[in-house]
Amino acid sequence: MKYIFDTNRFYVEDEGKEIGEITFTRPDENTIVVDHTFVDPTYRGQNIAAHLVRHIYDYAVENKLFVIPVCPYVVKQFEVVEEYQSVLKK
């Protein structure tokens, strides 16, 4: 599987087929709002969504951005992974 950055999203490909994505908006130059996560049902249970959230976290750290999670899955990940809270916009 290959994780790819595209404008305002990361997506996952498996053998050339897009199987998942995480999307965000940029309300200002220092913040991203993560609003959607999806994984093809046939690929669920393989931690793909968790890896997508990790890519968002890494992107935020690398670009010195704060994150506002809106997607329920991302909200939960930011609650349980303590490291992610370092980029959480309060």
PDB file of N, CA and C in Angstrom:
ATOM      1  N   MET A   1       0.835  -1.178   0.000  1.00  0.00           N
ATOM      2  CA  MET A   1       0.000   0.000   0.000  1.00  0.00           C
ATOM      3  C   MET A   1       0.878   1.238   0.000  1.00  0.00           C
ATOM      4  N   LYS A   2       0.355   2.250  -0.639  1.00  0.00           N
ATOM      5  CA  LYS A   2       1.104   3.484  -0.806  1.00  0.00           C
ATOM      6  C   LYS A   2       0.253   4.652  -0.304  1.00  0.00           C
ATOM      7  N   TYR A   3       0.825   5.450   0.610  1.00  0.00           N
ATOM      8  CA  TYR A   3       0.153   6.636   1.154  1.00  0.00           C
ATOM      9  C   TYR A   3       0.659   7.850   0.391  1.00  0.00           C
ATOM     10  N   ILE A   4      -0.275   8.657  -0.114  1.00  0.00           N
ATOM     11  CA  ILE A   4       0.073   9.753  -1.007  1.00  0.00           C
ATOM     12  C   ILE A   4      -0.581  11.038  -0.519  1.00  0.00           C
ATOM     13  N   PHE A   5       0.198  12.143  -0.552  1.00  0.00           N
ATOM     14  CA  PHE A   5      -0.351  13.464  -0.228  1.00  0.00           C
ATOM     15  C   PHE A   5      -0.866  14.098  -1.500  1.00  0.00           C
ATOM     16  N   ASP A   6      -2.040  14.682  -1.408  1.00  0.00           N
ATOM     17  CA  ASP A   6      -2.637  15.439  -2.491  1.00  0.00           C
ATOM     18  C   ASP A   6      -3.205  16.701  -1.843  1.00  0.00           C
ATOM     19  N   THR A   7      -3.599  17.659  -2.614  1.00  0.00           N
ATOM     20  CA  THR A   7      -4.114  18.893  -2.063  1.00  0.00           C
ATOM     21  C   THR A   7      -5.200  18.621  -1.022  1.00  0.00           C
ATOM     22  N   ASN A   8      -4.940  19.010   0.207  1.00  0.00           N
ATOM     23  CA  ASN A   8      -5.879  18.893   1.326  1.00  0.00           C
ATOM     24  C   ASN A   8      -6.332  17.464   1.638  1.00  0.00           C
ATOM     25  N   ARG A   9      -5.494  16.489   1.359  1.00  0.00           N
ATOM     26  CA  ARG A   9      -5.825  15.120   1.737  1.00  0.00           C
ATOM     27  C   ARG A   9      -4.621  14.197   1.595  1.00  0.00           C
ATOM     28  N   PHE A  10      -4.710  13.099   2.298  1.00  0.00           N
ATOM     29  CA  PHE A  10      -3.832  11.958   2.078  1.00  0.00           C
ATOM     30  C   PHE A  10      -4.744  10.832   1.612  1.00  0.00           C
ATOM     31  N   TYR A  11      -4.260  10.033   0.698  1.00  0.00           N
ATOM     32  CA  TYR A  11      -5.038   8.869   0.286  1.00  0.00           C
ATOM     33  C   TYR A  11      -4.133   7.659   0.191  1.00  0.00           C
ATOM     34  N   VAL A  12      -4.761   6.500   0.148  1.00  0.00           N
ATOM     35  CA  VAL A  12      -4.044   5.235   0.124  1.00  0.00           C
ATOM     36  C   VAL A  12      -4.396   4.503  -1.154  1.00  0.00           C
ATOM     37  N   GLU A  13      -3.367   3.964  -1.797  1.00  0.00           N
ATOM     38  CA  GLU A  13      -3.579   3.135  -2.985  1.00  0.00           C
ATOM     39  C   GLU A  13      -3.067   1.732  -2.712  1.00  0.00           C
ATOM     40  N   ASP A  14      -3.775   0.767  -3.248  1.00  0.00           N
ATOM     41  CA  ASP A  14      -3.336  -0.620  -3.230  1.00  0.00           C
ATOM     42  C   ASP A  14      -3.428  -1.126  -4.658  1.00  0.00           C
ATOM     43  N   GLU A  15      -2.298  -1.408  -5.243  1.00  0.00           N
ATOM     44  CA  GLU A  15      -2.226  -1.863  -6.629  1.00  0.00           C
ATOM     45  C   GLU A  15      -2.947  -0.913  -7.586  1.00  0.00           C
ATOM     46  N   GLY A  16      -2.730   0.390  -7.377  1.00  0.00           N
ATOM     47  CA  GLY A  16      -3.306   1.405  -8.247  1.00  0.00           C
ATOM     48  C   GLY A  16      -4.739   1.792  -7.951  1.00  0.00           C
ATOM     49  N   LYS A  17      -5.365   1.142  -6.980  1.00  0.00           N
ATOM     50  CA  LYS A  17      -6.751   1.437  -6.629  1.00  0.00           C
ATOM     51  C   LYS A  17      -6.781   2.260  -5.339  1.00  0.00           C
ATOM     52  N   GLU A  18      -7.506   3.387  -5.378  1.00  0.00           N
ATOM     53  CA  GLU A  18      -7.647   4.201  -4.174  1.00  0.00           C
ATOM     54  C   GLU A  18      -8.581   3.488  -3.203  1.00  0.00           C
ATOM     55  N   ILE A  19      -8.085   3.251  -1.986  1.00  0.00           N
ATOM     56  CA  ILE A  19      -8.865   2.473  -1.022  1.00  0.00           C
ATOM     57  C   ILE A  19      -9.215   3.245   0.249  1.00  0.00           C
ATOM     58  N   GLY A  20      -8.696   4.446   0.391  1.00  0.00           N
ATOM     59  CA  GLY A  20      -9.013   5.228   1.576  1.00  0.00           C
ATOM     60  C   GLY A  20      -8.472   6.634   1.474  1.00  0.00           C
ATOM     61  N   GLU A  21      -9.013   7.516   2.335  1.00  0.00           N
ATOM     62  CA  GLU A  21      -8.545   8.893   2.336  1.00  0.00           C
ATOM     63  C   GLU A  21      -8.855   9.562   3.664  1.00  0.00           C
ATOM     64  N   ILE A  22      -8.126  10.628   3.927  1.00  0.00           N
ATOM     65  CA  ILE A  22      -8.404  11.521   5.041  1.00  0.00           C
ATOM     66  C   ILE A  22      -8.295  12.928   4.468  1.00  0.00           C
ATOM     67  N   THR A  23      -9.272  13.777   4.751  1.00  0.00           N
ATOM     68  CA  THR A  23      -9.305  15.104   4.149  1.00  0.00           C
ATOM     69  C   THR A  23      -9.295  16.184   5.220  1.00  0.00           C
ATOM     70  N   PHE A  24      -8.835  17.364   4.804  1.00  0.00           N
ATOM     71  CA  PHE A  24      -8.797  18.496   5.721  1.00  0.00           C
ATOM     72  C   PHE A  24      -8.967  19.799   4.961  1.00  0.00           C
ATOM     73  N   THR A  25      -9.331  20.839   5.697  1.00  0.00           N
ATOM     74  CA  THR A  25      -9.411  22.193   5.158  1.00  0.00           C
ATOM     75  C   THR A  25      -8.400  23.050   5.913  1.00  0.00           C
ATOM     76  N   ARG A  26      -8.128  24.225   5.378  1.00  0.00           N
ATOM     77  CA  ARG A  26      -7.175  25.153   5.992  1.00  0.00           C
ATOM     78  C   ARG A  26      -7.893  26.462   6.280  1.00  0.00           C
ATOM     79  N   PRO A  27      -8.492  26.614   7.481  1.00  0.00           N
ATOM     80  CA  PRO A  27      -9.203  27.860   7.787  1.00  0.00           C
ATOM     81  C   PRO A  27      -8.267  29.055   7.946  1.00  0.00           C
ATOM     82  N   ASP A  28      -7.000  28.783   8.275  1.00  0.00           N
ATOM     83  CA  ASP A  28      -5.988  29.831   8.330  1.00  0.00           C
ATOM     84  C   ASP A  28      -4.634  29.188   8.077  1.00  0.00           C
ATOM     85  N   GLU A  29      -3.596  29.991   8.051  1.00  0.00           N
ATOM     86  CA  GLU A  29      -2.282  29.476   7.670  1.00  0.00           C
ATOM     87  C   GLU A  29      -1.631  28.570   8.710  1.00  0.00           C
ATOM     88  N   ASN A  30      -2.173  28.553   9.937  1.00  0.00           N
ATOM     89  CA  ASN A  30      -1.574  27.751  11.006  1.00  0.00           C
ATOM     90  C   ASN A  30      -2.395  26.545  11.430  1.00  0.00           C
ATOM     91  N   THR A  31      -3.522  26.309  10.769  1.00  0.00           N
ATOM     92  CA  THR A  31      -4.470  25.301  11.252  1.00  0.00           C
ATOM     93  C   THR A  31      -5.001  24.448  10.109  1.00  0.00           C
ATOM     94  N   ILE A  32      -5.197  23.150  10.431  1.00  0.00           N
ATOM     95  CA  ILE A  32      -5.957  22.286   9.529  1.00  0.00           C
ATOM     96  C   ILE A  32      -7.124  21.693  10.309  1.00  0.00           C
ATOM     97  N   VAL A  33      -8.249  21.567   9.640  1.00  0.00           N
ATOM     98  CA  VAL A  33      -9.449  20.960  10.212  1.00  0.00           C
ATOM     99  C   VAL A  33      -9.650  19.629   9.494  1.00  0.00           C
ATOM    100  N   VAL A  34      -9.498  18.538  10.239  1.00  0.00           N
ATOM    101  CA  VAL A  34      -9.625  17.203   9.648  1.00  0.00           C
ATOM    102  C   VAL A  34     -11.092  16.807   9.718  1.00  0.00           C
ATOM    103  N   ASP A  35     -11.718  16.688   8.545  1.00  0.00           N
ATOM    104  CA  ASP A  35     -13.175  16.566   8.496  1.00  0.00           C
ATOM    105  C   ASP A  35     -13.717  15.244   7.959  1.00  0.00           C
ATOM    106  N   HIS A  36     -12.836  14.358   7.483  1.00  0.00           N
ATOM    107  CA  HIS A  36     -13.374  13.144   6.858  1.00  0.00           C
ATOM    108  C   HIS A  36     -12.301  12.063   6.788  1.00  0.00           C
ATOM    109  N   THR A  37     -12.687  10.851   7.119  1.00  0.00           N
ATOM    110  CA  THR A  37     -11.827   9.680   6.953  1.00  0.00           C
ATOM    111  C   THR A  37     -12.680   8.564   6.365  1.00  0.00           C
ATOM    112  N   PHE A  38     -12.133   7.870   5.379  1.00  0.00           N
ATOM    113  CA  PHE A  38     -12.855   6.762   4.764  1.00  0.00           C
ATOM    114  C   PHE A  38     -11.877   5.675   4.372  1.00  0.00           C
ATOM    115  N   VAL A  39     -12.272   4.424   4.605  1.00  0.00           N
ATOM    116  CA  VAL A  39     -11.529   3.265   4.119  1.00  0.00           C
ATOM    117  C   VAL A  39     -12.531   2.318   3.474  1.00  0.00           C
ATOM    118  N   ASP A  40     -12.203   1.848   2.280  1.00  0.00           N
ATOM    119  CA  ASP A  40     -13.037   0.881   1.570  1.00  0.00           C
ATOM    120  C   ASP A  40     -13.371  -0.274   2.520  1.00  0.00           C
ATOM    121  N   PRO A  41     -14.631  -0.657   2.599  1.00  0.00           N
ATOM    122  CA  PRO A  41     -15.040  -1.715   3.539  1.00  0.00           C
ATOM    123  C   PRO A  41     -14.235  -3.009   3.426  1.00  0.00           C
ATOM    124  N   THR A  42     -13.770  -3.362   2.241  1.00  0.00           N
ATOM    125  CA  THR A  42     -13.014  -4.607   2.095  1.00  0.00           C
ATOM    126  C   THR A  42     -11.609  -4.509   2.697  1.00  0.00           C
ATOM    127  N   TYR A  43     -11.175  -3.300   3.052  1.00  0.00           N
ATOM    128  CA  TYR A  43      -9.848  -3.096   3.626  1.00  0.00           C
ATOM    129  C   TYR A  43      -9.900  -2.721   5.109  1.00  0.00           C
ATOM    130  N   ARG A  44     -11.079  -2.652   5.668  1.00  0.00           N
ATOM    131  CA  ARG A  44     -11.200  -2.263   7.073  1.00  0.00           C
ATOM    132  C   ARG A  44     -10.607  -3.329   7.982  1.00  0.00           C
ATOM    133  N   GLY A  45     -10.191  -2.899   9.166  1.00  0.00           N
ATOM    134  CA  GLY A  45      -9.588  -3.814  10.126  1.00  0.00           C
ATOM    135  C   GLY A  45      -8.092  -3.985   9.939  1.00  0.00           C
ATOM    136  N   GLN A  46      -7.488  -3.200   9.053  1.00  0.00           N
ATOM    137  CA  GLN A  46      -6.056  -3.297   8.783  1.00  0.00           C
ATOM    138  C   GLN A  46      -5.290  -2.059   9.275  1.00  0.00           C
ATOM    139  N   ASN A  47      -5.936  -1.248  10.102  1.00  0.00           N
ATOM    140  CA  ASN A  47      -5.339  -0.028  10.680  1.00  0.00           C
ATOM    141  C   ASN A  47      -5.004   1.037   9.645  1.00  0.00           C
ATOM    142  N   ILE A  48      -5.649   0.990   8.502  1.00  0.00           N
ATOM    143  CA  ILE A  48      -5.382   1.976   7.456  1.00  0.00           C
ATOM    144  C   ILE A  48      -5.809   3.363   7.912  1.00  0.00           C
ATOM    145  N   ALA A  49      -6.971   3.475   8.532  1.00  0.00           N
ATOM    146  CA  ALA A  49      -7.432   4.780   9.011  1.00  0.00           C
ATOM    147  C   ALA A  49      -6.479   5.338  10.062  1.00  0.00           C
ATOM    148  N   ALA A  50      -5.988   4.482  10.937  1.00  0.00           N
ATOM    149  CA  ALA A  50      -5.026   4.928  11.953  1.00  0.00           C
ATOM    150  C   ALA A  50      -3.747   5.441  11.299  1.00  0.00           C
ATOM    151  N   HIS A  51      -3.302   4.775  10.239  1.00  0.00           N
ATOM    152  CA  HIS A  51      -2.110   5.233   9.519  1.00  0.00           C
ATOM    153  C   HIS A  51      -2.366   6.576   8.833  1.00  0.00           C
ATOM    154  N   LEU A  52      -3.577   6.774   8.331  1.00  0.00           N
ATOM    155  CA  LEU A  52      -3.923   8.058   7.727  1.00  0.00           C
ATOM    156  C   LEU A  52      -3.877   9.172   8.765  1.00  0.00           C
ATOM    157  N   VAL A  53      -4.389   8.907   9.956  1.00  0.00           N
ATOM    158  CA  VAL A  53      -4.344   9.907  11.025  1.00  0.00           C
ATOM    159  C   VAL A  53      -2.884  10.208  11.376  1.00  0.00           C
ATOM    160  N   ARG A  54      -2.055   9.192  11.409  1.00  0.00           N
ATOM    161  CA  ARG A  54      -0.631   9.393  11.680  1.00  0.00           C
ATOM    162  C   ARG A  54       0.003  10.292  10.624  1.00  0.00           C
ATOM    163  N   HIS A  55      -0.386  10.127   9.372  1.00  0.00           N
ATOM    164  CA  HIS A  55       0.131  10.999   8.313  1.00  0.00           C
ATOM    165  C   HIS A  55      -0.301  12.448   8.548  1.00  0.00           C
ATOM    166  N   ILE A  56      -1.524  12.644   8.994  1.00  0.00           N
ATOM    167  CA  ILE A  56      -1.989  14.003   9.310  1.00  0.00           C
ATOM    168  C   ILE A  56      -1.155  14.591  10.438  1.00  0.00           C
ATOM    169  N   TYR A  57      -0.925  13.805  11.478  1.00  0.00           N
ATOM    170  CA  TYR A  57      -0.112  14.275  12.598  1.00  0.00           C
ATOM    171  C   TYR A  57       1.286  14.654  12.117  1.00  0.00           C
ATOM    172  N   ASP A  58       1.918  13.771  11.374  1.00  0.00           N
ATOM    173  CA  ASP A  58       3.273  14.046  10.874  1.00  0.00           C
ATOM    174  C   ASP A  58       3.293  15.296   9.992  1.00  0.00           C
ATOM    175  N   TYR A  59       2.286  15.456   9.155  1.00  0.00           N
ATOM    176  CA  TYR A  59       2.170  16.635   8.299  1.00  0.00           C
ATOM    177  C   TYR A  59       2.073  17.899   9.143  1.00  0.00           C
ATOM    178  N   ALA A  60       1.262  17.839  10.194  1.00  0.00           N
ATOM    179  CA  ALA A  60       1.102  18.996  11.075  1.00  0.00           C
ATOM    180  C   ALA A  60       2.425  19.342  11.760  1.00  0.00           C
ATOM    181  N   VAL A  61       3.111  18.343  12.265  1.00  0.00           N
ATOM    182  CA  VAL A  61       4.397  18.584  12.933  1.00  0.00           C
ATOM    183  C   VAL A  61       5.409  19.177  11.952  1.00  0.00           C
ATOM    184  N   GLU A  62       5.533  18.573  10.789  1.00  0.00           N
ATOM    185  CA  GLU A  62       6.507  19.029   9.791  1.00  0.00           C
ATOM    186  C   GLU A  62       6.242  20.460   9.331  1.00  0.00           C
ATOM    187  N   ASN A  63       4.967  20.845   9.304  1.00  0.00           N
ATOM    188  CA  ASN A  63       4.592  22.165   8.795  1.00  0.00           C
ATOM    189  C   ASN A  63       4.221  23.150   9.898  1.00  0.00           C
ATOM    190  N   LYS A  64       4.455  22.737  11.150  1.00  0.00           N
ATOM    191  CA  LYS A  64       4.170  23.591  12.316  1.00  0.00           C
ATOM    192  C   LYS A  64       2.719  24.080  12.311  1.00  0.00           C
ATOM    193  N   LEU A  65       1.801  23.118  12.162  1.00  0.00           N
ATOM    194  CA  LEU A  65       0.373  23.412  12.104  1.00  0.00           C
ATOM    195  C   LEU A  65      -0.333  22.852  13.340  1.00  0.00           C
ATOM    196  N   PHE A  66      -1.453  23.462  13.668  1.00  0.00           N
ATOM    197  CA  PHE A  66      -2.338  22.925  14.686  1.00  0.00           C
ATOM    198  C   PHE A  66      -3.458  22.161  13.982  1.00  0.00           C
ATOM    199  N   VAL A  67      -4.040  21.193  14.689  1.00  0.00           N
ATOM    200  CA  VAL A  67      -5.092  20.355  14.127  1.00  0.00           C
ATOM    201  C   VAL A  67      -6.374  20.531  14.935  1.00  0.00           C
ATOM    202  N   ILE A  68      -7.477  20.684  14.227  1.00  0.00           N
ATOM    203  CA  ILE A  68      -8.810  20.635  14.822  1.00  0.00           C
ATOM    204  C   ILE A  68      -9.488  19.403  14.227  1.00  0.00           C
ATOM    205  N   PRO A  69      -9.626  18.334  15.011  1.00  0.00           N
ATOM    206  CA  PRO A  69     -10.303  17.153  14.492  1.00  0.00           C
ATOM    207  C   PRO A  69     -11.823  17.329  14.564  1.00  0.00           C
ATOM    208  N   VAL A  70     -12.494  17.056  13.463  1.00  0.00           N
ATOM    209  CA  VAL A  70     -13.951  17.130  13.398  1.00  0.00           C
ATOM    210  C   VAL A  70     -14.533  15.747  13.109  1.00  0.00           C
ATOM    211  N   CYS A  71     -13.880  15.002  12.252  1.00  0.00           N
ATOM    212  CA  CYS A  71     -14.295  13.637  11.946  1.00  0.00           C
ATOM    213  C   CYS A  71     -14.290  12.819  13.236  1.00  0.00           C
ATOM    214  N   PRO A  72     -15.371  12.112  13.545  1.00  0.00           N
ATOM    215  CA  PRO A  72     -15.442  11.354  14.804  1.00  0.00           C
ATOM    216  C   PRO A  72     -14.288  10.372  15.006  1.00  0.00           C
ATOM    217  N   TYR A  73     -13.847   9.719  13.969  1.00  0.00           N
ATOM    218  CA  TYR A  73     -12.733   8.780  14.108  1.00  0.00           C
ATOM    219  C   TYR A  73     -11.462   9.522  14.516  1.00  0.00           C
ATOM    220  N   VAL A  74     -11.215  10.645  13.888  1.00  0.00           N
ATOM    221  CA  VAL A  74     -10.013  11.430  14.185  1.00  0.00           C
ATOM    222  C   VAL A  74     -10.098  12.017  15.592  1.00  0.00           C
ATOM    223  N   VAL A  75     -11.274  12.466  15.986  1.00  0.00           N
ATOM    224  CA  VAL A  75     -11.461  12.963  17.352  1.00  0.00           C
ATOM    225  C   VAL A  75     -11.045  11.888  18.348  1.00  0.00           C
ATOM    226  N   LYS A  76     -11.510  10.670  18.137  1.00  0.00           N
ATOM    227  CA  LYS A  76     -11.191   9.562  19.040  1.00  0.00           C
ATOM    228  C   LYS A  76      -9.692   9.266  19.049  1.00  0.00           C
ATOM    229  N   GLN A  77      -9.064   9.255  17.886  1.00  0.00           N
ATOM    230  CA  GLN A  77      -7.627   9.002  17.819  1.00  0.00           C
ATOM    231  C   GLN A  77      -6.836  10.070  18.572  1.00  0.00           C
ATOM    232  N   PHE A  78      -7.271  11.322  18.468  1.00  0.00           N
ATOM    233  CA  PHE A  78      -6.591  12.402  19.175  1.00  0.00           C
ATOM    234  C   PHE A  78      -6.819  12.317  20.681  1.00  0.00           C
ATOM    235  N   GLU A  79      -7.875  11.652  21.096  1.00  0.00           N
ATOM    236  CA  GLU A  79      -8.101  11.443  22.528  1.00  0.00           C
ATOM    237  C   GLU A  79      -7.222  10.335  23.084  1.00  0.00           C
ATOM    238  N   VAL A  80      -7.012   9.267  22.318  1.00  0.00           N
ATOM    239  CA  VAL A  80      -6.316   8.091  22.847  1.00  0.00           C
ATOM    240  C   VAL A  80      -4.808   8.058  22.569  1.00  0.00           C
ATOM    241  N   VAL A  81      -4.354   8.786  21.571  1.00  0.00           N
ATOM    242  CA  VAL A  81      -2.916   8.825  21.277  1.00  0.00           C
ATOM    243  C   VAL A  81      -2.370  10.129  21.848  1.00  0.00           C
ATOM    244  N   GLU A  82      -1.735  10.011  22.989  1.00  0.00           N
ATOM    245  CA  GLU A  82      -1.273  11.190  23.719  1.00  0.00           C
ATOM    246  C   GLU A  82      -0.362  12.087  22.881  1.00  0.00           C
ATOM    247  N   GLU A  83       0.487  11.494  22.086  1.00  0.00           N
ATOM    248  CA  GLU A  83       1.423  12.252  21.241  1.00  0.00           C
ATOM    249  C   GLU A  83       0.700  13.240  20.333  1.00  0.00           C
ATOM    250  N   TYR A  84      -0.466  12.865  19.826  1.00  0.00           N
ATOM    251  CA  TYR A  84      -1.208  13.723  18.901  1.00  0.00           C
ATOM    252  C   TYR A  84      -1.670  15.016  19.559  1.00  0.00           C
ATOM    253  N   GLN A  85      -1.837  15.000  20.844  1.00  0.00           N
ATOM    254  CA  GLN A  85      -2.354  16.168  21.547  1.00  0.00           C
ATOM    255  C   GLN A  85      -1.395  17.361  21.472  1.00  0.00           C
ATOM    256  N   SER A  86      -0.145  17.109  21.114  1.00  0.00           N
ATOM    257  CA  SER A  86       0.825  18.208  21.000  1.00  0.00           C
ATOM    258  C   SER A  86       0.490  19.154  19.864  1.00  0.00           C
ATOM    259  N   VAL A  87      -0.294  18.722  18.878  1.00  0.00           N
ATOM    260  CA  VAL A  87      -0.666  19.592  17.766  1.00  0.00           C
ATOM    261  C   VAL A  87      -2.144  19.978  17.805  1.00  0.00           C
ATOM    262  N   LEU A  88      -2.818  19.565  18.842  1.00  0.00           N
ATOM    263  CA  LEU A  88      -4.251  19.837  18.976  1.00  0.00           C
ATOM    264  C   LEU A  88      -4.468  21.317  19.270  1.00  0.00           C
ATOM    265  N   LYS A  89      -5.309  21.950  18.478  1.00  0.00           N
ATOM    266  CA  LYS A  89      -5.634  23.364  18.703  1.00  0.00           C
ATOM    267  C   LYS A  89      -6.658  23.446  19.815  1.00  0.00           C
ATOM    268  N   LYS A  90      -6.324  24.189  20.825  1.00  0.00           N
ATOM    269  CA  LYS A  90      -7.204  24.287  22.003  1.00  0.00           C
ATOM    270  C   LYS A  90      -8.069  25.504  21.952  1.00  0.00           C
TER     271      LYS A  90
END
